[in-house]
Amino acid sequence: MSKAAPEISFNAFLKVDIRVGKIIRAESFPEARNPSFKLWVDFGPELGTRKTSAQITKHYTLEDLPGHLIAAVINFPPRQIGKFMSEILVLGFPDKDGDVVLITPDQSIPLGGRLY
């Protein structure tokens, strides 16, 4: 386990825009350096659909992902991953082997809701 990150102000935390979205589409991403999926995530009518790639192949299948509610940072600049443009960062925690487990709300909540 790693040490805690340096202390930040509450205002610094507020600059990170973390929202809930629903995965509406998932595809394989064979061109990625590490095993990954391409994801399209719906954040509701105000924010729309955004795409990303995620290294979540150990715990999830392409068939299981659509409909999954997830948390993601939506205000990072887009990042080119191979030939794919990633627009968000899906959030997760490492399991005991370092494989990603997605952060998901335990109740149904409106898409686009902001973490606070």
PDB file of N, CA and C in Angstrom:
ATOM      1  N   MET A   1       0.839  -1.168   0.000  1.00  0.00           N
ATOM      2  CA  MET A   1       0.000   0.000   0.000  1.00  0.00           C
ATOM      3  C   MET A   1       0.890   1.238   0.000  1.00  0.00           C
ATOM      4  N   SER A   2       0.490   2.265  -0.753  1.00  0.00           N
ATOM      5  CA  SER A   2       1.298   3.473  -0.843  1.00  0.00           C
ATOM      6  C   SER A   2       0.944   4.465   0.257  1.00  0.00           C
ATOM      7  N   LYS A   3       1.860   5.390   0.491  1.00  0.00           N
ATOM      8  CA  LYS A   3       1.631   6.428   1.483  1.00  0.00           C
ATOM      9  C   LYS A   3       0.553   7.384   0.990  1.00  0.00           C
ATOM     10  N   ALA A   4      -0.027   8.129   1.905  1.00  0.00           N
ATOM     11  CA  ALA A   4      -1.027   9.131   1.553  1.00  0.00           C
ATOM     12  C   ALA A   4      -0.368  10.244   0.741  1.00  0.00           C
ATOM     13  N   ALA A   5      -1.128  10.811  -0.193  1.00  0.00           N
ATOM     14  CA  ALA A   5      -0.645  11.935  -0.996  1.00  0.00           C
ATOM     15  C   ALA A   5      -0.514  13.166  -0.101  1.00  0.00           C
ATOM     16  N   PRO A   6       0.248  14.156  -0.554  1.00  0.00           N
ATOM     17  CA  PRO A   6       0.374  15.379   0.252  1.00  0.00           C
ATOM     18  C   PRO A   6      -0.993  16.041   0.475  1.00  0.00           C
ATOM     19  N   GLU A   7      -1.114  16.727   1.580  1.00  0.00           N
ATOM     20  CA  GLU A   7      -2.349  17.422   1.933  1.00  0.00           C
ATOM     21  C   GLU A   7      -2.665  18.497   0.892  1.00  0.00           C
ATOM     22  N   ILE A   8      -3.957  18.637   0.555  1.00  0.00           N
ATOM     23  CA  ILE A   8      -4.406  19.683  -0.360  1.00  0.00           C
ATOM     24  C   ILE A   8      -5.537  20.467   0.300  1.00  0.00           C
ATOM     25  N   SER A   9      -5.847  21.596  -0.288  1.00  0.00           N
ATOM     26  CA  SER A   9      -6.958  22.393   0.235  1.00  0.00           C
ATOM     27  C   SER A   9      -8.278  21.855  -0.306  1.00  0.00           C
ATOM     28  N   PHE A  10      -9.361  22.214   0.375  1.00  0.00           N
ATOM     29  CA  PHE A  10     -10.687  21.826  -0.103  1.00  0.00           C
ATOM     30  C   PHE A  10     -10.950  22.435  -1.475  1.00  0.00           C
ATOM     31  N   ASN A  11     -10.482  23.656  -1.707  1.00  0.00           N
ATOM     32  CA  ASN A  11     -10.665  24.296  -3.015  1.00  0.00           C
ATOM     33  C   ASN A  11      -9.948  23.525  -4.116  1.00  0.00           C
ATOM     34  N   ALA A  12      -8.801  22.945  -3.806  1.00  0.00           N
ATOM     35  CA  ALA A  12      -8.094  22.121  -4.800  1.00  0.00           C
ATOM     36  C   ALA A  12      -8.928  20.880  -5.126  1.00  0.00           C
ATOM     37  N   PHE A  13      -9.525  20.259  -4.111  1.00  0.00           N
ATOM     38  CA  PHE A  13     -10.390  19.095  -4.337  1.00  0.00           C
ATOM     39  C   PHE A  13     -11.564  19.461  -5.235  1.00  0.00           C
ATOM     40  N   LEU A  14     -12.162  20.632  -5.019  1.00  0.00           N
ATOM     41  CA  LEU A  14     -13.323  21.049  -5.804  1.00  0.00           C
ATOM     42  C   LEU A  14     -13.013  21.237  -7.290  1.00  0.00           C
ATOM     43  N   LYS A  15     -11.736  21.398  -7.623  1.00  0.00           N
ATOM     44  CA  LYS A  15     -11.350  21.545  -9.031  1.00  0.00           C
ATOM     45  C   LYS A  15     -11.453  20.225  -9.800  1.00  0.00           C
ATOM     46  N   VAL A  16     -11.450  19.104  -9.093  1.00  0.00           N
ATOM     47  CA  VAL A  16     -11.574  17.788  -9.733  1.00  0.00           C
ATOM     48  C   VAL A  16     -13.064  17.467  -9.845  1.00  0.00           C
ATOM     49  N   ASP A  17     -13.554  17.397 -11.067  1.00  0.00           N
ATOM     50  CA  ASP A  17     -14.988  17.184 -11.318  1.00  0.00           C
ATOM     51  C   ASP A  17     -15.247  15.697 -11.528  1.00  0.00           C
ATOM     52  N   ILE A  18     -15.737  15.036 -10.468  1.00  0.00           N
ATOM     53  CA  ILE A  18     -16.009  13.600 -10.504  1.00  0.00           C
ATOM     54  C   ILE A  18     -17.516  13.408 -10.593  1.00  0.00           C
ATOM     55  N   ARG A  19     -17.960  12.700 -11.636  1.00  0.00           N
ATOM     56  CA  ARG A  19     -19.392  12.509 -11.891  1.00  0.00           C
ATOM     57  C   ARG A  19     -19.724  11.033 -12.026  1.00  0.00           C
ATOM     58  N   VAL A  20     -21.015  10.734 -11.862  1.00  0.00           N
ATOM     59  CA  VAL A  20     -21.503   9.380 -12.084  1.00  0.00           C
ATOM     60  C   VAL A  20     -22.020   9.287 -13.520  1.00  0.00           C
ATOM     61  N   GLY A  21     -21.683   8.178 -14.164  1.00  0.00           N
ATOM     62  CA  GLY A  21     -22.156   7.926 -15.522  1.00  0.00           C
ATOM     63  C   GLY A  21     -22.514   6.463 -15.689  1.00  0.00           C
ATOM     64  N   LYS A  22     -23.172   6.168 -16.809  1.00  0.00           N
ATOM     65  CA  LYS A  22     -23.544   4.789 -17.107  1.00  0.00           C
ATOM     66  C   LYS A  22     -22.815   4.354 -18.379  1.00  0.00           C
ATOM     67  N   ILE A  23     -22.138   3.230 -18.296  1.00  0.00           N
ATOM     68  CA  ILE A  23     -21.482   2.679 -19.484  1.00  0.00           C
ATOM     69  C   ILE A  23     -22.579   2.238 -20.447  1.00  0.00           C
ATOM     70  N   ILE A  24     -22.553   2.784 -21.672  1.00  0.00           N
ATOM     71  CA  ILE A  24     -23.565   2.426 -22.660  1.00  0.00           C
ATOM     72  C   ILE A  24     -22.996   1.567 -23.786  1.00  0.00           C
ATOM     73  N   ARG A  25     -21.675   1.524 -23.884  1.00  0.00           N
ATOM     74  CA  ARG A  25     -21.031   0.728 -24.937  1.00  0.00           C
ATOM     75  C   ARG A  25     -19.627   0.363 -24.493  1.00  0.00           C
ATOM     76  N   ALA A  26     -19.205  -0.852 -24.829  1.00  0.00           N
ATOM     77  CA  ALA A  26     -17.854  -1.317 -24.514  1.00  0.00           C
ATOM     78  C   ALA A  26     -17.341  -2.134 -25.684  1.00  0.00           C
ATOM     79  N   GLU A  27     -16.089  -1.888 -26.057  1.00  0.00           N
ATOM     80  CA  GLU A  27     -15.445  -2.615 -27.157  1.00  0.00           C
ATOM     81  C   GLU A  27     -14.051  -3.040 -26.731  1.00  0.00           C
ATOM     82  N   SER A  28     -13.536  -4.055 -27.392  1.00  0.00           N
ATOM     83  CA  SER A  28     -12.153  -4.452 -27.134  1.00  0.00           C
ATOM     84  C   SER A  28     -11.226  -3.373 -27.698  1.00  0.00           C
ATOM     85  N   PHE A  29     -10.016  -3.326 -27.183  1.00  0.00           N
ATOM     86  CA  PHE A  29      -9.024  -2.341 -27.604  1.00  0.00           C
ATOM     87  C   PHE A  29      -7.700  -3.072 -27.830  1.00  0.00           C
ATOM     88  N   PRO A  30      -7.635  -3.876 -28.903  1.00  0.00           N
ATOM     89  CA  PRO A  30      -6.446  -4.706 -29.115  1.00  0.00           C
ATOM     90  C   PRO A  30      -5.173  -3.913 -29.390  1.00  0.00           C
ATOM     91  N   GLU A  31      -5.294  -2.650 -29.826  1.00  0.00           N
ATOM     92  CA  GLU A  31      -4.111  -1.839 -30.120  1.00  0.00           C
ATOM     93  C   GLU A  31      -3.439  -1.288 -28.868  1.00  0.00           C
ATOM     94  N   ALA A  32      -4.097  -1.342 -27.730  1.00  0.00           N
ATOM     95  CA  ALA A  32      -3.542  -0.800 -26.486  1.00  0.00           C
ATOM     96  C   ALA A  32      -2.329  -1.604 -26.031  1.00  0.00           C
ATOM     97  N   ARG A  33      -1.389  -0.922 -25.386  1.00  0.00           N
ATOM     98  CA  ARG A  33      -0.190  -1.604 -24.867  1.00  0.00           C
ATOM     99  C   ARG A  33      -0.541  -2.636 -23.812  1.00  0.00           C
ATOM    100  N   ASN A  34      -1.463  -2.282 -22.911  1.00  0.00           N
ATOM    101  CA  ASN A  34      -1.919  -3.185 -21.862  1.00  0.00           C
ATOM    102  C   ASN A  34      -3.361  -3.578 -22.159  1.00  0.00           C
ATOM    103  N   PRO A  35      -3.783  -4.778 -21.769  1.00  0.00           N
ATOM    104  CA  PRO A  35      -5.163  -5.195 -22.057  1.00  0.00           C
ATOM    105  C   PRO A  35      -6.171  -4.155 -21.560  1.00  0.00           C
ATOM    106  N   SER A  36      -7.011  -3.675 -22.462  1.00  0.00           N
ATOM    107  CA  SER A  36      -7.944  -2.589 -22.164  1.00  0.00           C
ATOM    108  C   SER A  36      -9.226  -2.740 -22.950  1.00  0.00           C
ATOM    109  N   PHE A  37     -10.232  -2.003 -22.502  1.00  0.00           N
ATOM    110  CA  PHE A  37     -11.487  -1.863 -23.233  1.00  0.00           C
ATOM    111  C   PHE A  37     -11.686  -0.393 -23.585  1.00  0.00           C
ATOM    112  N   LYS A  38     -12.397  -0.145 -24.676  1.00  0.00           N
ATOM    113  CA  LYS A  38     -12.890   1.190 -25.003  1.00  0.00           C
ATOM    114  C   LYS A  38     -14.288   1.286 -24.396  1.00  0.00           C
ATOM    115  N   LEU A  39     -14.569   2.402 -23.724  1.00  0.00           N
ATOM    116  CA  LEU A  39     -15.862   2.595 -23.075  1.00  0.00           C
ATOM    117  C   LEU A  39     -16.494   3.906 -23.523  1.00  0.00           C
ATOM    118  N   TRP A  40     -17.819   3.891 -23.684  1.00  0.00           N
ATOM    119  CA  TRP A  40     -18.609   5.095 -23.919  1.00  0.00           C
ATOM    120  C   TRP A  40     -19.518   5.229 -22.715  1.00  0.00           C
ATOM    121  N   VAL A  41     -19.469   6.393 -22.057  1.00  0.00           N
ATOM    122  CA  VAL A  41     -20.162   6.595 -20.787  1.00  0.00           C
ATOM    123  C   VAL A  41     -21.132   7.773 -20.931  1.00  0.00           C
ATOM    124  N   ASP A  42     -22.384   7.537 -20.560  1.00  0.00           N
ATOM    125  CA  ASP A  42     -23.430   8.554 -20.612  1.00  0.00           C
ATOM    126  C   ASP A  42     -23.492   9.267 -19.269  1.00  0.00           C
ATOM    127  N   PHE A  43     -23.327  10.597 -19.286  1.00  0.00           N
ATOM    128  CA  PHE A  43     -23.394  11.410 -18.081  1.00  0.00           C
ATOM    129  C   PHE A  43     -24.668  12.249 -18.027  1.00  0.00           C
ATOM    130  N   GLY A  44     -25.676  11.871 -18.795  1.00  0.00           N
ATOM    131  CA  GLY A  44     -26.946  12.587 -18.775  1.00  0.00           C
ATOM    132  C   GLY A  44     -27.008  13.680 -19.827  1.00  0.00           C
ATOM    133  N   PRO A  45     -28.184  14.329 -19.950  1.00  0.00           N
ATOM    134  CA  PRO A  45     -28.406  15.281 -21.036  1.00  0.00           C
ATOM    135  C   PRO A  45     -27.519  16.520 -20.992  1.00  0.00           C
ATOM    136  N   GLU A  46     -27.116  16.987 -19.836  1.00  0.00           N
ATOM    137  CA  GLU A  46     -26.291  18.195 -19.763  1.00  0.00           C
ATOM    138  C   GLU A  46     -24.839  17.948 -20.160  1.00  0.00           C
ATOM    139  N   LEU A  47     -24.296  16.787 -19.823  1.00  0.00           N
ATOM    140  CA  LEU A  47     -22.885  16.492 -20.080  1.00  0.00           C
ATOM    141  C   LEU A  47     -22.679  15.575 -21.275  1.00  0.00           C
ATOM    142  N   GLY A  48     -23.685  14.793 -21.626  1.00  0.00           N
ATOM    143  CA  GLY A  48     -23.603  13.920 -22.790  1.00  0.00           C
ATOM    144  C   GLY A  48     -22.761  12.677 -22.584  1.00  0.00           C
ATOM    145  N   THR A  49     -22.400  12.061 -23.700  1.00  0.00           N
ATOM    146  CA  THR A  49     -21.615  10.829 -23.707  1.00  0.00           C
ATOM    147  C   THR A  49     -20.153  11.156 -23.957  1.00  0.00           C
ATOM    148  N   ARG A  50     -19.289  10.515 -23.189  1.00  0.00           N
ATOM    149  CA  ARG A  50     -17.844  10.703 -23.358  1.00  0.00           C
ATOM    150  C   ARG A  50     -17.192   9.325 -23.406  1.00  0.00           C
ATOM    151  N   LYS A  51     -16.018   9.278 -24.022  1.00  0.00           N
ATOM    152  CA  LYS A  51     -15.350   7.985 -24.209  1.00  0.00           C
ATOM    153  C   LYS A  51     -14.006   7.948 -23.495  1.00  0.00           C
ATOM    154  N   THR A  52     -13.576   6.723 -23.230  1.00  0.00           N
ATOM    155  CA  THR A  52     -12.293   6.505 -22.566  1.00  0.00           C
ATOM    156  C   THR A  52     -11.824   5.086 -22.835  1.00  0.00           C
ATOM    157  N   SER A  53     -10.593   4.811 -22.470  1.00  0.00           N
ATOM    158  CA  SER A  53     -10.121   3.430 -22.433  1.00  0.00           C
ATOM    159  C   SER A  53      -9.820   3.102 -20.978  1.00  0.00           C
ATOM    160  N   ALA A  54      -9.961   1.845 -20.626  1.00  0.00           N
ATOM    161  CA  ALA A  54      -9.761   1.439 -19.238  1.00  0.00           C
ATOM    162  C   ALA A  54      -9.154   0.047 -19.168  1.00  0.00           C
ATOM    163  N   GLN A  55      -8.173  -0.108 -18.302  1.00  0.00           N
ATOM    164  CA  GLN A  55      -7.513  -1.394 -18.092  1.00  0.00           C
ATOM    165  C   GLN A  55      -8.282  -2.174 -17.024  1.00  0.00           C
ATOM    166  N   ILE A  56      -9.441  -2.672 -17.414  1.00  0.00           N
ATOM    167  CA  ILE A  56     -10.346  -3.341 -16.461  1.00  0.00           C
ATOM    168  C   ILE A  56     -10.709  -4.756 -16.930  1.00  0.00           C
ATOM    169  N   THR A  57      -9.840  -5.361 -17.706  1.00  0.00           N
ATOM    170  CA  THR A  57     -10.157  -6.655 -18.322  1.00  0.00           C
ATOM    171  C   THR A  57     -10.102  -7.836 -17.358  1.00  0.00           C
ATOM    172  N   LYS A  58      -9.526  -7.684 -16.190  1.00  0.00           N
ATOM    173  CA  LYS A  58      -9.419  -8.815 -15.253  1.00  0.00           C
ATOM    174  C   LYS A  58     -10.745  -9.121 -14.560  1.00  0.00           C
ATOM    175  N   HIS A  59     -11.516  -8.084 -14.247  1.00  0.00           N
ATOM    176  CA  HIS A  59     -12.741  -8.279 -13.466  1.00  0.00           C
ATOM    177  C   HIS A  59     -14.030  -8.080 -14.260  1.00  0.00           C
ATOM    178  N   TYR A  60     -13.918  -7.622 -15.513  1.00  0.00           N
ATOM    179  CA  TYR A  60     -15.117  -7.271 -16.280  1.00  0.00           C
ATOM    180  C   TYR A  60     -15.027  -7.845 -17.691  1.00  0.00           C
ATOM    181  N   THR A  61     -16.195  -8.139 -18.260  1.00  0.00           N
ATOM    182  CA  THR A  61     -16.264  -8.583 -19.650  1.00  0.00           C
ATOM    183  C   THR A  61     -17.008  -7.530 -20.459  1.00  0.00           C
ATOM    184  N   LEU A  62     -16.819  -7.539 -21.749  1.00  0.00           N
ATOM    185  CA  LEU A  62     -17.507  -6.583 -22.625  1.00  0.00           C
ATOM    186  C   LEU A  62     -19.020  -6.685 -22.488  1.00  0.00           C
ATOM    187  N   GLU A  63     -19.502  -7.896 -22.286  1.00  0.00           N
ATOM    188  CA  GLU A  63     -20.942  -8.123 -22.185  1.00  0.00           C
ATOM    189  C   GLU A  63     -21.525  -7.597 -20.869  1.00  0.00           C
ATOM    190  N   ASP A  64     -20.731  -7.604 -19.801  1.00  0.00           N
ATOM    191  CA  ASP A  64     -21.211  -7.185 -18.481  1.00  0.00           C
ATOM    192  C   ASP A  64     -21.177  -5.674 -18.263  1.00  0.00           C
ATOM    193  N   LEU A  65     -20.376  -4.944 -19.018  1.00  0.00           N
ATOM    194  CA  LEU A  65     -20.156  -3.535 -18.731  1.00  0.00           C
ATOM    195  C   LEU A  65     -21.322  -2.604 -19.069  1.00  0.00           C
ATOM    196  N   PRO A  66     -22.009  -2.763 -20.211  1.00  0.00           N
ATOM    197  CA  PRO A  66     -23.118  -1.842 -20.480  1.00  0.00           C
ATOM    198  C   PRO A  66     -24.160  -1.879 -19.361  1.00  0.00           C
ATOM    199  N   GLY A  67     -24.571  -0.676 -18.927  1.00  0.00           N
ATOM    200  CA  GLY A  67     -25.525  -0.550 -17.833  1.00  0.00           C
ATOM    201  C   GLY A  67     -24.870  -0.309 -16.483  1.00  0.00           C
ATOM    202  N   HIS A  68     -23.568  -0.530 -16.391  1.00  0.00           N
ATOM    203  CA  HIS A  68     -22.807  -0.347 -15.148  1.00  0.00           C
ATOM    204  C   HIS A  68     -22.694   1.142 -14.820  1.00  0.00           C
ATOM    205  N   LEU A  69     -23.055   1.561 -13.603  1.00  0.00           N
ATOM    206  CA  LEU A  69     -22.815   2.922 -13.144  1.00  0.00           C
ATOM    207  C   LEU A  69     -21.380   3.022 -12.633  1.00  0.00           C
ATOM    208  N   ILE A  70     -20.678   4.095 -13.015  1.00  0.00           N
ATOM    209  CA  ILE A  70     -19.275   4.266 -12.619  1.00  0.00           C
ATOM    210  C   ILE A  70     -19.024   5.714 -12.204  1.00  0.00           C
ATOM    211  N   ALA A  71     -17.886   5.959 -11.591  1.00  0.00           N
ATOM    212  CA  ALA A  71     -17.426   7.310 -11.273  1.00  0.00           C
ATOM    213  C   ALA A  71     -16.267   7.641 -12.199  1.00  0.00           C
ATOM    214  N   ALA A  72     -16.217   8.904 -12.662  1.00  0.00           N
ATOM    215  CA  ALA A  72     -15.149   9.317 -13.564  1.00  0.00           C
ATOM    216  C   ALA A  72     -14.827  10.795 -13.387  1.00  0.00           C
ATOM    217  N   VAL A  73     -13.561  11.138 -13.608  1.00  0.00           N
ATOM    218  CA  VAL A  73     -13.145  12.539 -13.672  1.00  0.00           C
ATOM    219  C   VAL A  73     -13.458  13.009 -15.084  1.00  0.00           C
ATOM    220  N   ILE A  74     -14.229  14.099 -15.187  1.00  0.00           N
ATOM    221  CA  ILE A  74     -14.642  14.555 -16.524  1.00  0.00           C
ATOM    222  C   ILE A  74     -13.946  15.833 -16.974  1.00  0.00           C
ATOM    223  N   ASN A  75     -13.091  16.431 -16.122  1.00  0.00           N
ATOM    224  CA  ASN A  75     -12.486  17.696 -16.520  1.00  0.00           C
ATOM    225  C   ASN A  75     -10.972  17.638 -16.718  1.00  0.00           C
ATOM    226  N   PHE A  76     -10.423  16.463 -17.010  1.00  0.00           N
ATOM    227  CA  PHE A  76      -9.044  16.384 -17.484  1.00  0.00           C
ATOM    228  C   PHE A  76      -9.054  16.684 -18.978  1.00  0.00           C
ATOM    229  N   PRO A  77      -7.960  17.204 -19.532  1.00  0.00           N
ATOM    230  CA  PRO A  77      -7.924  17.403 -20.983  1.00  0.00           C
ATOM    231  C   PRO A  77      -7.933  16.048 -21.698  1.00  0.00           C
ATOM    232  N   PRO A  78      -8.485  15.998 -22.919  1.00  0.00           N
ATOM    233  CA  PRO A  78      -8.454  14.735 -23.675  1.00  0.00           C
ATOM    234  C   PRO A  78      -7.017  14.238 -23.838  1.00  0.00           C
ATOM    235  N   ARG A  79      -6.886  12.903 -23.910  1.00  0.00           N
ATOM    236  CA  ARG A  79      -5.555  12.283 -24.023  1.00  0.00           C
ATOM    237  C   ARG A  79      -5.596  11.233 -25.113  1.00  0.00           C
ATOM    238  N   GLN A  80      -4.632  11.292 -26.006  1.00  0.00           N
ATOM    239  CA  GLN A  80      -4.540  10.332 -27.098  1.00  0.00           C
ATOM    240  C   GLN A  80      -3.954   9.022 -26.577  1.00  0.00           C
ATOM    241  N   ILE A  81      -4.696   7.916 -26.738  1.00  0.00           N
ATOM    242  CA  ILE A  81      -4.234   6.581 -26.360  1.00  0.00           C
ATOM    243  C   ILE A  81      -4.204   5.772 -27.657  1.00  0.00           C
ATOM    244  N   GLY A  82      -3.031   5.673 -28.276  1.00  0.00           N
ATOM    245  CA  GLY A  82      -2.954   5.040 -29.594  1.00  0.00           C
ATOM    246  C   GLY A  82      -3.769   5.858 -30.578  1.00  0.00           C
ATOM    247  N   LYS A  83      -4.680   5.202 -31.285  1.00  0.00           N
ATOM    248  CA  LYS A  83      -5.545   5.903 -32.246  1.00  0.00           C
ATOM    249  C   LYS A  83      -6.874   6.327 -31.623  1.00  0.00           C
ATOM    250  N   PHE A  84      -6.982   6.213 -30.306  1.00  0.00           N
ATOM    251  CA  PHE A  84      -8.237   6.477 -29.599  1.00  0.00           C
ATOM    252  C   PHE A  84      -8.074   7.693 -28.687  1.00  0.00           C
ATOM    253  N   MET A  85      -9.027   8.624 -28.723  1.00  0.00           N
ATOM    254  CA  MET A  85      -8.978   9.811 -27.870  1.00  0.00           C
ATOM    255  C   MET A  85      -9.788   9.558 -26.594  1.00  0.00           C
ATOM    256  N   SER A  86      -9.116   9.596 -25.453  1.00  0.00           N
ATOM    257  CA  SER A  86      -9.756   9.397 -24.159  1.00  0.00           C
ATOM    258  C   SER A  86     -10.175  10.753 -23.610  1.00  0.00           C
ATOM    259  N   GLU A  87     -11.452  10.871 -23.219  1.00  0.00           N
ATOM    260  CA  GLU A  87     -11.990  12.155 -22.772  1.00  0.00           C
ATOM    261  C   GLU A  87     -12.237  12.228 -21.266  1.00  0.00           C
ATOM    262  N   ILE A  88     -12.223  11.098 -20.586  1.00  0.00           N
ATOM    263  CA  ILE A  88     -12.491  11.041 -19.145  1.00  0.00           C
ATOM    264  C   ILE A  88     -11.550  10.028 -18.504  1.00  0.00           C
ATOM    265  N   LEU A  89     -11.513  10.030 -17.175  1.00  0.00           N
ATOM    266  CA  LEU A  89     -10.750   9.029 -16.435  1.00  0.00           C
ATOM    267  C   LEU A  89     -11.711   8.271 -15.538  1.00  0.00           C
ATOM    268  N   VAL A  90     -11.951   7.003 -15.872  1.00  0.00           N
ATOM    269  CA  VAL A  90     -12.804   6.148 -15.051  1.00  0.00           C
ATOM    270  C   VAL A  90     -12.021   5.795 -13.788  1.00  0.00           C
ATOM    271  N   LEU A  91     -12.701   5.804 -12.642  1.00  0.00           N
ATOM    272  CA  LEU A  91     -12.024   5.606 -11.361  1.00  0.00           C
ATOM    273  C   LEU A  91     -12.224   4.204 -10.809  1.00  0.00           C
ATOM    274  N   GLY A  92     -11.188   3.706 -10.163  1.00  0.00           N
ATOM    275  CA  GLY A  92     -11.244   2.396  -9.541  1.00  0.00           C
ATOM    276  C   GLY A  92     -10.156   2.259  -8.486  1.00  0.00           C
ATOM    277  N   PHE A  93     -10.224   1.165  -7.769  1.00  0.00           N
ATOM    278  CA  PHE A  93      -9.214   0.826  -6.769  1.00  0.00           C
ATOM    279  C   PHE A  93      -8.518  -0.458  -7.182  1.00  0.00           C
ATOM    280  N   PRO A  94      -7.239  -0.637  -6.797  1.00  0.00           N
ATOM    281  CA  PRO A  94      -6.559  -1.886  -7.097  1.00  0.00           C
ATOM    282  C   PRO A  94      -6.979  -2.996  -6.141  1.00  0.00           C
ATOM    283  N   ASP A  95      -7.154  -4.206  -6.689  1.00  0.00           N
ATOM    284  CA  ASP A  95      -7.367  -5.357  -5.822  1.00  0.00           C
ATOM    285  C   ASP A  95      -6.009  -5.809  -5.285  1.00  0.00           C
ATOM    286  N   LYS A  96      -5.952  -6.954  -4.615  1.00  0.00           N
ATOM    287  CA  LYS A  96      -4.685  -7.415  -4.009  1.00  0.00           C
ATOM    288  C   LYS A  96      -3.588  -7.678  -5.041  1.00  0.00           C
ATOM    289  N   ASP A  97      -3.987  -7.901  -6.319  1.00  0.00           N
ATOM    290  CA  ASP A  97      -3.013  -8.136  -7.384  1.00  0.00           C
ATOM    291  C   ASP A  97      -2.726  -6.891  -8.215  1.00  0.00           C
ATOM    292  N   GLY A  98      -3.359  -5.768  -7.864  1.00  0.00           N
ATOM    293  CA  GLY A  98      -3.154  -4.530  -8.608  1.00  0.00           C
ATOM    294  C   GLY A  98      -4.101  -4.337  -9.779  1.00  0.00           C
ATOM    295  N   ASP A  99      -5.083  -5.229  -9.943  1.00  0.00           N
ATOM    296  CA  ASP A  99      -6.059  -5.104 -11.030  1.00  0.00           C
ATOM    297  C   ASP A  99      -7.198  -4.184 -10.597  1.00  0.00           C
ATOM    298  N   VAL A 100      -7.714  -3.410 -11.552  1.00  0.00           N
ATOM    299  CA  VAL A 100      -8.688  -2.365 -11.244  1.00  0.00           C
ATOM    300  C   VAL A 100     -10.087  -2.914 -10.966  1.00  0.00           C
ATOM    301  N   VAL A 101     -10.667  -2.413  -9.866  1.00  0.00           N
ATOM    302  CA  VAL A 101     -12.064  -2.656  -9.508  1.00  0.00           C
ATOM    303  C   VAL A 101     -12.746  -1.292  -9.584  1.00  0.00           C
ATOM    304  N   LEU A 102     -13.745  -1.170 -10.437  1.00  0.00           N
ATOM    305  CA  LEU A 102     -14.416   0.105 -10.653  1.00  0.00           C
ATOM    306  C   LEU A 102     -15.136   0.614  -9.412  1.00  0.00           C
ATOM    307  N   ILE A 103     -15.171   1.920  -9.256  1.00  0.00           N
ATOM    308  CA  ILE A 103     -15.960   2.564  -8.203  1.00  0.00           C
ATOM    309  C   ILE A 103     -17.381   2.700  -8.738  1.00  0.00           C
ATOM    310  N   THR A 104     -18.331   2.141  -8.015  1.00  0.00           N
ATOM    311  CA  THR A 104     -19.732   2.198  -8.435  1.00  0.00           C
ATOM    312  C   THR A 104     -20.608   2.591  -7.252  1.00  0.00           C
ATOM    313  N   PRO A 105     -21.628   3.424  -7.495  1.00  0.00           N
ATOM    314  CA  PRO A 105     -22.545   3.744  -6.396  1.00  0.00           C
ATOM    315  C   PRO A 105     -23.358   2.514  -6.021  1.00  0.00           C
ATOM    316  N   ASP A 106     -23.778   2.440  -4.769  1.00  0.00           N
ATOM    317  CA  ASP A 106     -24.551   1.272  -4.334  1.00  0.00           C
ATOM    318  C   ASP A 106     -26.054   1.481  -4.465  1.00  0.00           C
ATOM    319  N   GLN A 107     -26.449   2.627  -5.024  1.00  0.00           N
ATOM    320  CA  GLN A 107     -27.865   2.900  -5.302  1.00  0.00           C
ATOM    321  C   GLN A 107     -27.962   3.576  -6.673  1.00  0.00           C
ATOM    322  N   SER A 108     -29.128   3.532  -7.262  1.00  0.00           N
ATOM    323  CA  SER A 108     -29.355   4.211  -8.536  1.00  0.00           C
ATOM    324  C   SER A 108     -29.447   5.705  -8.282  1.00  0.00           C
ATOM    325  N   ILE A 109     -28.653   6.473  -8.992  1.00  0.00           N
ATOM    326  CA  ILE A 109     -28.645   7.931  -8.842  1.00  0.00           C
ATOM    327  C   ILE A 109     -28.684   8.564 -10.225  1.00  0.00           C
ATOM    328  N   PRO A 110     -29.119   9.832 -10.316  1.00  0.00           N
ATOM    329  CA  PRO A 110     -29.196  10.480 -11.615  1.00  0.00           C
ATOM    330  C   PRO A 110     -27.824  10.588 -12.285  1.00  0.00           C
ATOM    331  N   LEU A 111     -27.801  10.339 -13.581  1.00  0.00           N
ATOM    332  CA  LEU A 111     -26.551  10.454 -14.343  1.00  0.00           C
ATOM    333  C   LEU A 111     -26.066  11.891 -14.311  1.00  0.00           C
ATOM    334  N   GLY A 112     -24.753  12.035 -14.180  1.00  0.00           N
ATOM    335  CA  GLY A 112     -24.139  13.352 -14.143  1.00  0.00           C
ATOM    336  C   GLY A 112     -23.996  13.923 -12.749  1.00  0.00           C
ATOM    337  N   GLY A 113     -24.510  13.213 -11.718  1.00  0.00           N
ATOM    338  CA  GLY A 113     -24.379  13.705 -10.351  1.00  0.00           C
ATOM    339  C   GLY A 113     -22.915  13.866  -9.972  1.00  0.00           C
ATOM    340  N   ARG A 114     -22.608  14.960  -9.306  1.00  0.00           N
ATOM    341  CA  ARG A 114     -21.221  15.262  -8.935  1.00  0.00           C
ATOM    342  C   ARG A 114     -20.891  14.750  -7.544  1.00  0.00           C
ATOM    343  N   LEU A 115     -19.703  14.166  -7.426  1.00  0.00           N
ATOM    344  CA  LEU A 115     -19.206  13.704  -6.119  1.00  0.00           C
ATOM    345  C   LEU A 115     -18.920  14.886  -5.218  1.00  0.00           C
ATOM    346  N   TYR A 116     -19.344  14.781  -3.972  1.00  0.00           N
ATOM    347  CA  TYR A 116     -18.998  15.781  -2.963  1.00  0.00           C
ATOM    348  C   TYR A 116     -18.950  15.130  -1.609  1.00  0.00           C
TER     349      TYR A 116
END
